[in-house]
Protein backbone atom coordinates (compact mmCIF):
# COMPACT_ATOMS: atom_id res chain seq x y z
CA MET A 1 28.71 -90.53 5.50
CA SER A 2 28.34 -90.36 9.26
CA ARG A 3 25.12 -89.79 11.11
CA GLU A 4 24.59 -86.43 12.79
CA ALA A 5 23.09 -85.45 16.12
CA SER A 6 21.44 -82.07 16.54
CA VAL A 7 22.69 -79.83 19.32
CA GLU A 8 19.47 -80.52 21.21
CA GLU A 9 19.86 -84.31 20.92
CA PHE A 10 23.52 -84.04 21.86
CA ALA A 11 22.80 -81.79 24.86
CA ALA A 12 20.31 -84.31 26.25
CA ALA A 13 22.78 -87.16 25.76
CA GLN A 14 25.63 -85.15 27.28
CA ARG A 15 23.54 -84.35 30.38
CA ALA A 16 22.81 -88.08 30.70
CA GLY A 17 26.54 -88.88 30.72
CA ALA A 18 27.16 -89.82 27.07
CA LEU A 19 30.72 -90.23 25.85
CA VAL A 20 31.90 -87.07 24.08
CA VAL A 21 35.04 -87.11 21.93
CA ASP A 22 36.49 -83.75 20.89
CA VAL A 23 38.62 -84.14 17.74
CA ARG A 24 40.02 -80.60 17.65
CA GLU A 25 43.63 -79.71 18.35
CA PRO A 26 44.79 -79.31 21.98
CA ALA A 27 44.91 -75.49 21.83
CA GLU A 28 41.29 -75.40 20.61
CA TYR A 29 40.23 -77.75 23.41
CA LEU A 30 42.02 -75.66 26.03
CA GLY A 31 40.19 -72.57 24.78
CA GLY A 32 36.82 -74.13 25.53
CA HIS A 33 35.20 -77.54 25.35
CA VAL A 34 31.99 -79.36 26.23
CA PRO A 35 32.00 -80.48 29.88
CA GLY A 36 33.21 -84.08 30.07
CA ALA A 37 34.61 -84.14 26.52
CA ARG A 38 37.68 -86.28 25.98
CA LEU A 39 40.36 -84.90 23.68
CA TYR A 40 41.25 -87.18 20.76
CA PRO A 41 42.70 -84.95 18.02
CA LEU A 42 41.64 -86.17 14.58
CA SER A 43 45.27 -86.85 13.67
CA SER A 44 45.58 -89.42 16.50
CA LEU A 45 42.07 -90.90 16.49
CA THR A 46 42.83 -94.08 14.57
CA SER A 47 45.82 -94.91 16.75
CA ARG A 48 43.73 -94.39 19.91
CA MET A 49 40.52 -96.22 18.92
CA ALA A 50 41.31 -99.11 21.26
CA GLU A 51 40.73 -96.71 24.19
CA LEU A 52 37.10 -96.18 23.19
CA PRO A 53 34.20 -98.39 24.28
CA ARG A 54 32.46 -100.30 21.52
CA ARG A 55 29.17 -100.77 23.35
CA GLU A 56 28.10 -97.16 23.81
CA ARG A 57 27.27 -94.35 21.43
CA ILE A 58 30.05 -91.83 20.92
CA TYR A 59 29.27 -88.18 20.18
CA VAL A 60 32.05 -86.53 18.20
CA ILE A 61 32.51 -82.76 18.19
CA CYS A 62 34.88 -80.27 16.56
CA ALA A 63 34.72 -76.57 15.75
CA SER A 64 32.10 -76.60 12.98
CA GLY A 65 31.19 -80.21 12.22
CA ASN A 66 33.60 -81.03 9.39
CA ARG A 67 36.31 -82.86 11.35
CA SER A 68 33.73 -84.54 13.56
CA ALA A 69 31.87 -85.85 10.50
CA MET A 70 35.13 -87.36 9.19
CA ALA A 71 35.94 -88.81 12.62
CA ALA A 72 32.46 -90.26 13.12
CA SER A 73 32.67 -91.87 9.68
CA VAL A 74 36.04 -93.43 10.53
CA LEU A 75 34.63 -94.70 13.83
CA GLU A 76 31.52 -96.11 12.16
CA GLN A 77 33.65 -97.94 9.59
CA ALA A 78 35.54 -99.47 12.52
CA GLY A 79 32.31 -100.72 14.09
CA PHE A 80 31.54 -97.94 16.59
CA ASP A 81 28.16 -96.26 17.05
CA ALA A 82 29.23 -92.66 16.43
CA ARG A 83 27.36 -89.41 15.81
CA SER A 84 28.82 -86.12 14.63
CA VAL A 85 27.45 -83.07 16.44
CA ALA A 86 25.88 -80.86 13.77
CA GLY A 87 27.53 -77.44 13.74
CA GLY A 88 30.15 -78.45 16.32
CA MET A 89 31.29 -76.09 19.06
CA SER A 90 30.02 -73.12 17.05
CA ALA A 91 26.47 -74.44 17.32
CA TRP A 92 26.99 -75.54 20.94
CA THR A 93 28.19 -72.13 22.12
CA GLY A 94 25.75 -70.30 19.85
CA ASP A 95 22.97 -72.12 21.66
CA GLY A 96 24.29 -70.87 25.02
CA ARG A 97 25.47 -74.30 26.20
CA PRO A 98 28.16 -74.65 28.93
CA VAL A 99 31.82 -74.46 27.99
CA LEU A 100 34.77 -75.32 30.18
CA ARG A 101 38.32 -74.09 29.70
CA GLY A 102 41.57 -75.82 30.56
CA PRO A 103 43.36 -79.12 30.01
CA ARG A 104 41.08 -81.55 31.81
CA GLU A 105 37.72 -83.00 30.78
CA ASN A 106 36.00 -81.16 33.60
CA ALA A 107 38.34 -78.19 34.02
CA ALA A 108 36.72 -74.95 35.10
């Protein structure tokens, strides 16, 4: 079972420049994502793990928290310090947090 971060904890970490991995599908990401989030769809996460830093905490987000919990668990088993964002994008947007649209990490 992966560890979770509350939206408040995640928001503080995100503002401080934490690594955010979005494990949703590309169309979901394009429709709105956390500023700075990197897209790593769950289906490709294991094959792309080598791209992720091992020495910093990784916050994993999805739509509701289910896929991110699975992804964070996979990352933890591989030796990463990963946290699933509780409630995912639903909680993030429900809390009035910023959302960017488009293909890039910082697209407007």
